[in-house]
């Protein structure tokens, strides 16, 4: 699990995500632990990848449960909530 020290560092990780590097678990001091999943538009390829990876399937299921229960925030909301004091 990566420890993010700034919003710029988080954006660097997000911009480097791709089909082969589509899940990133990280923590932000003062905020908590997060799982970021890059989802492709093609639902079939996501399902195929999840079926081939039990860990990815578990993370996607957790993400869907959190989304459905309302215990989630968008990346935009996360970035807006961060300040320099969160990384000190």
N, C-alpha and C. Protein backbone atom coordinates (compact mmCIF):
# COMPACT_ATOMS: atom_id res chain seq x y z
N UNK A 1 0.86 -1.18 0.00
CA UNK A 1 0.00 0.00 0.00
C UNK A 1 0.90 1.23 0.00
N UNK A 2 0.64 2.15 -0.91
CA UNK A 2 1.42 3.37 -1.00
C UNK A 2 0.94 4.42 -0.02
N UNK A 3 1.86 5.22 0.44
CA UNK A 3 1.51 6.33 1.34
C UNK A 3 1.70 7.62 0.55
N UNK A 4 0.62 8.32 0.32
CA UNK A 4 0.62 9.53 -0.49
C UNK A 4 0.94 10.73 0.40
N UNK A 5 1.86 11.57 -0.06
CA UNK A 5 2.29 12.73 0.71
C UNK A 5 1.77 14.06 0.17
N UNK A 6 1.21 14.06 -1.04
CA UNK A 6 0.68 15.31 -1.61
C UNK A 6 -0.34 14.99 -2.70
N UNK A 7 -1.16 15.98 -3.02
CA UNK A 7 -2.14 15.77 -4.09
C UNK A 7 -1.44 15.62 -5.44
N UNK A 8 -0.27 16.26 -5.59
CA UNK A 8 0.50 16.11 -6.83
C UNK A 8 0.98 14.67 -6.99
N UNK A 9 1.41 14.06 -5.89
CA UNK A 9 1.85 12.67 -5.94
C UNK A 9 0.69 11.75 -6.32
N UNK A 10 -0.49 12.02 -5.76
CA UNK A 10 -1.67 11.22 -6.09
C UNK A 10 -2.00 11.35 -7.58
N UNK A 11 -1.95 12.55 -8.11
CA UNK A 11 -2.23 12.76 -9.53
C UNK A 11 -1.20 12.04 -10.41
N UNK A 12 0.06 11.97 -9.95
CA UNK A 12 1.09 11.25 -10.70
C UNK A 12 0.72 9.77 -10.81
N UNK A 13 0.29 9.18 -9.69
CA UNK A 13 -0.12 7.78 -9.71
C UNK A 13 -1.33 7.58 -10.62
N UNK A 14 -2.30 8.47 -10.53
CA UNK A 14 -3.50 8.35 -11.37
C UNK A 14 -3.14 8.44 -12.84
N UNK A 15 -2.27 9.37 -13.20
CA UNK A 15 -1.92 9.55 -14.62
C UNK A 15 -1.12 8.36 -15.16
N UNK A 16 -0.47 7.59 -14.28
CA UNK A 16 0.31 6.43 -14.72
C UNK A 16 -0.51 5.14 -14.75
N UNK A 17 -1.79 5.22 -14.37
CA UNK A 17 -2.61 4.02 -14.38
C UNK A 17 -2.99 3.65 -15.81
N UNK A 18 -3.06 2.35 -16.07
CA UNK A 18 -3.45 1.86 -17.38
C UNK A 18 -4.07 0.47 -17.22
N UNK A 19 -4.32 -0.21 -18.32
CA UNK A 19 -4.97 -1.51 -18.28
C UNK A 19 -4.19 -2.50 -17.41
N UNK A 20 -2.85 -2.47 -17.50
CA UNK A 20 -2.03 -3.41 -16.74
C UNK A 20 -1.78 -2.95 -15.31
N UNK A 21 -1.98 -1.68 -15.05
CA UNK A 21 -1.75 -1.09 -13.73
C UNK A 21 -3.04 -0.35 -13.35
N UNK A 22 -4.11 -1.13 -13.06
CA UNK A 22 -5.43 -0.51 -12.94
C UNK A 22 -5.95 -0.39 -11.51
N UNK A 23 -5.21 -0.91 -10.53
CA UNK A 23 -5.65 -0.84 -9.13
C UNK A 23 -4.52 -0.27 -8.29
N UNK A 24 -4.86 0.70 -7.46
CA UNK A 24 -3.87 1.32 -6.59
C UNK A 24 -4.47 1.49 -5.20
N UNK A 25 -3.84 0.85 -4.22
CA UNK A 25 -4.27 1.01 -2.83
C UNK A 25 -3.27 1.95 -2.16
N UNK A 26 -3.82 2.93 -1.43
CA UNK A 26 -2.94 3.92 -0.80
C UNK A 26 -3.59 4.46 0.46
N UNK A 27 -2.78 5.13 1.25
CA UNK A 27 -3.30 5.79 2.45
C UNK A 27 -2.87 7.24 2.44
N UNK A 28 -3.69 8.06 3.04
CA UNK A 28 -3.37 9.48 3.20
C UNK A 28 -3.46 9.77 4.69
N UNK A 29 -2.36 10.22 5.26
CA UNK A 29 -2.38 10.53 6.69
C UNK A 29 -3.50 11.52 7.01
N UNK A 30 -4.25 11.23 8.04
CA UNK A 30 -5.35 12.11 8.44
C UNK A 30 -6.65 11.87 7.69
N UNK A 31 -6.63 11.02 6.65
CA UNK A 31 -7.84 10.74 5.86
C UNK A 31 -8.22 9.27 5.93
N UNK A 32 -7.28 8.36 5.71
CA UNK A 32 -7.58 6.94 5.74
C UNK A 32 -7.01 6.18 4.57
N UNK A 33 -7.54 4.96 4.37
CA UNK A 33 -7.07 4.07 3.31
C UNK A 33 -8.04 4.12 2.13
N UNK A 34 -7.50 4.01 0.93
CA UNK A 34 -8.30 4.11 -0.29
C UNK A 34 -7.88 3.03 -1.28
N UNK A 35 -8.82 2.64 -2.13
CA UNK A 35 -8.55 1.77 -3.27
C UNK A 35 -9.06 2.50 -4.50
N UNK A 36 -8.16 2.74 -5.42
CA UNK A 36 -8.50 3.43 -6.66
C UNK A 36 -8.48 2.40 -7.78
N UNK A 37 -9.58 2.29 -8.54
CA UNK A 37 -9.69 1.31 -9.62
C UNK A 37 -9.97 2.05 -10.92
N UNK A 38 -9.09 1.85 -11.89
CA UNK A 38 -9.29 2.41 -13.23
C UNK A 38 -10.23 1.46 -13.96
N UNK A 39 -11.39 1.95 -14.34
CA UNK A 39 -12.37 1.11 -15.01
C UNK A 39 -12.45 1.48 -16.48
N UNK A 40 -12.35 0.47 -17.31
CA UNK A 40 -12.47 0.67 -18.75
C UNK A 40 -13.94 0.78 -19.12
N UNK A 41 -14.20 1.29 -20.28
CA UNK A 41 -15.57 1.40 -20.75
C UNK A 41 -16.14 0.04 -21.13
N UNK A 42 -15.30 -0.89 -21.51
CA UNK A 42 -15.74 -2.22 -21.93
C UNK A 42 -15.94 -3.10 -20.70
N UNK A 43 -17.19 -3.29 -20.29
CA UNK A 43 -17.51 -4.07 -19.09
C UNK A 43 -17.01 -5.51 -19.20
N UNK A 44 -17.02 -6.08 -20.40
CA UNK A 44 -16.60 -7.47 -20.55
C UNK A 44 -15.13 -7.65 -20.22
N UNK A 45 -14.27 -6.69 -20.58
CA UNK A 45 -12.85 -6.85 -20.28
C UNK A 45 -12.60 -6.70 -18.78
N UNK A 46 -13.37 -5.87 -18.10
CA UNK A 46 -13.24 -5.74 -16.64
C UNK A 46 -13.63 -7.06 -15.99
N UNK A 47 -14.72 -7.64 -16.43
CA UNK A 47 -15.16 -8.92 -15.86
C UNK A 47 -14.13 -10.00 -16.11
N UNK A 48 -13.57 -10.05 -17.30
CA UNK A 48 -12.57 -11.06 -17.63
C UNK A 48 -11.34 -10.91 -16.74
N UNK A 49 -10.89 -9.66 -16.53
CA UNK A 49 -9.74 -9.43 -15.67
C UNK A 49 -10.05 -9.82 -14.23
N UNK A 50 -11.24 -9.47 -13.74
CA UNK A 50 -11.62 -9.80 -12.37
C UNK A 50 -11.74 -11.31 -12.19
N UNK A 51 -12.27 -12.00 -13.19
CA UNK A 51 -12.39 -13.46 -13.11
C UNK A 51 -11.01 -14.12 -13.06
N UNK A 52 -10.02 -13.48 -13.65
CA UNK A 52 -8.67 -14.03 -13.66
C UNK A 52 -7.83 -13.63 -12.46
N UNK A 53 -8.35 -12.74 -11.61
CA UNK A 53 -7.58 -12.26 -10.47
C UNK A 53 -8.48 -12.20 -9.23
N UNK A 54 -8.35 -13.16 -8.32
CA UNK A 54 -9.19 -13.15 -7.12
C UNK A 54 -9.02 -11.86 -6.29
N UNK A 55 -7.81 -11.33 -6.23
CA UNK A 55 -7.58 -10.10 -5.46
C UNK A 55 -8.30 -8.92 -6.10
N UNK A 56 -8.21 -8.80 -7.41
CA UNK A 56 -8.91 -7.72 -8.12
C UNK A 56 -10.42 -7.88 -7.95
N UNK A 57 -10.91 -9.11 -8.03
CA UNK A 57 -12.35 -9.36 -7.87
C UNK A 57 -12.80 -8.94 -6.47
N UNK A 58 -12.01 -9.26 -5.45
CA UNK A 58 -12.33 -8.87 -4.08
C UNK A 58 -12.39 -7.34 -3.95
N UNK A 59 -11.38 -6.66 -4.51
CA UNK A 59 -11.34 -5.20 -4.41
C UNK A 59 -12.51 -4.56 -5.16
N UNK A 60 -12.86 -5.09 -6.32
CA UNK A 60 -14.00 -4.55 -7.07
C UNK A 60 -15.30 -4.77 -6.31
N UNK A 61 -15.45 -5.95 -5.71
CA UNK A 61 -16.66 -6.22 -4.92
C UNK A 61 -16.75 -5.27 -3.73
N UNK A 62 -15.64 -5.05 -3.04
CA UNK A 62 -15.63 -4.11 -1.91
C UNK A 62 -16.00 -2.71 -2.38
N UNK A 63 -15.45 -2.32 -3.53
CA UNK A 63 -15.72 -1.00 -4.08
C UNK A 63 -17.20 -0.84 -4.41
N UNK A 64 -17.81 -1.85 -5.02
CA UNK A 64 -19.22 -1.79 -5.36
C UNK A 64 -20.09 -1.73 -4.11
N UNK A 65 -19.73 -2.51 -3.08
CA UNK A 65 -20.48 -2.48 -1.83
C UNK A 65 -20.43 -1.09 -1.19
N UNK A 66 -19.25 -0.48 -1.21
CA UNK A 66 -19.10 0.85 -0.64
C UNK A 66 -19.87 1.88 -1.46
N UNK A 67 -19.85 1.75 -2.77
CA UNK A 67 -20.59 2.66 -3.64
C UNK A 67 -22.09 2.56 -3.35
N UNK A 68 -22.58 1.31 -3.29
CA UNK A 68 -24.01 1.10 -3.08
C UNK A 68 -24.47 1.54 -1.70
N UNK A 69 -23.59 1.44 -0.71
CA UNK A 69 -23.97 1.85 0.66
C UNK A 69 -23.77 3.35 0.88
N UNK A 70 -23.18 4.03 -0.10
CA UNK A 70 -22.96 5.47 0.02
C UNK A 70 -21.71 5.85 0.78
N UNK A 71 -20.90 4.86 1.16
CA UNK A 71 -19.68 5.16 1.92
C UNK A 71 -18.49 5.30 0.97
N UNK A 72 -18.60 6.26 0.08
CA UNK A 72 -17.54 6.52 -0.89
C UNK A 72 -17.54 8.01 -1.24
N UNK A 73 -16.43 8.45 -1.82
CA UNK A 73 -16.36 9.81 -2.36
C UNK A 73 -15.70 9.73 -3.73
N UNK A 74 -15.93 10.72 -4.55
CA UNK A 74 -15.32 10.75 -5.87
C UNK A 74 -13.88 11.24 -5.74
N UNK A 75 -13.09 11.00 -6.79
CA UNK A 75 -11.71 11.49 -6.80
C UNK A 75 -11.69 13.01 -6.66
N UNK A 76 -12.62 13.68 -7.32
CA UNK A 76 -12.69 15.14 -7.23
C UNK A 76 -12.96 15.57 -5.79
N UNK A 77 -13.90 14.89 -5.12
CA UNK A 77 -14.19 15.22 -3.72
C UNK A 77 -12.97 14.98 -2.84
N UNK A 78 -12.26 13.87 -3.10
CA UNK A 78 -11.06 13.57 -2.32
C UNK A 78 -10.02 14.66 -2.50
N UNK A 79 -9.74 15.03 -3.75
CA UNK A 79 -8.72 16.04 -4.00
C UNK A 79 -9.10 17.39 -3.39
N UNK A 80 -10.37 17.76 -3.46
CA UNK A 80 -10.82 19.02 -2.87
C UNK A 80 -10.69 19.01 -1.35
N UNK A 81 -10.79 17.83 -0.75
CA UNK A 81 -10.75 17.75 0.71
C UNK A 81 -9.32 17.78 1.27
N UNK A 82 -8.33 17.63 0.40
CA UNK A 82 -6.95 17.58 0.87
C UNK A 82 -6.34 18.97 1.03
N UNK A 83 -5.51 19.10 2.05
CA UNK A 83 -4.74 20.33 2.23
C UNK A 83 -3.32 19.94 2.62
N UNK A 84 -2.42 20.91 2.62
CA UNK A 84 -1.03 20.63 2.96
C UNK A 84 -0.89 20.03 4.35
N UNK A 85 -1.76 20.42 5.27
CA UNK A 85 -1.65 19.92 6.65
C UNK A 85 -1.93 18.41 6.73
N UNK A 86 -2.66 17.85 5.76
CA UNK A 86 -2.92 16.42 5.76
C UNK A 86 -1.65 15.60 5.50
N UNK A 87 -0.63 16.22 4.95
CA UNK A 87 0.60 15.52 4.58
C UNK A 87 1.77 15.83 5.51
N UNK A 88 1.48 16.48 6.62
CA UNK A 88 2.54 16.82 7.57
C UNK A 88 2.54 15.88 8.75
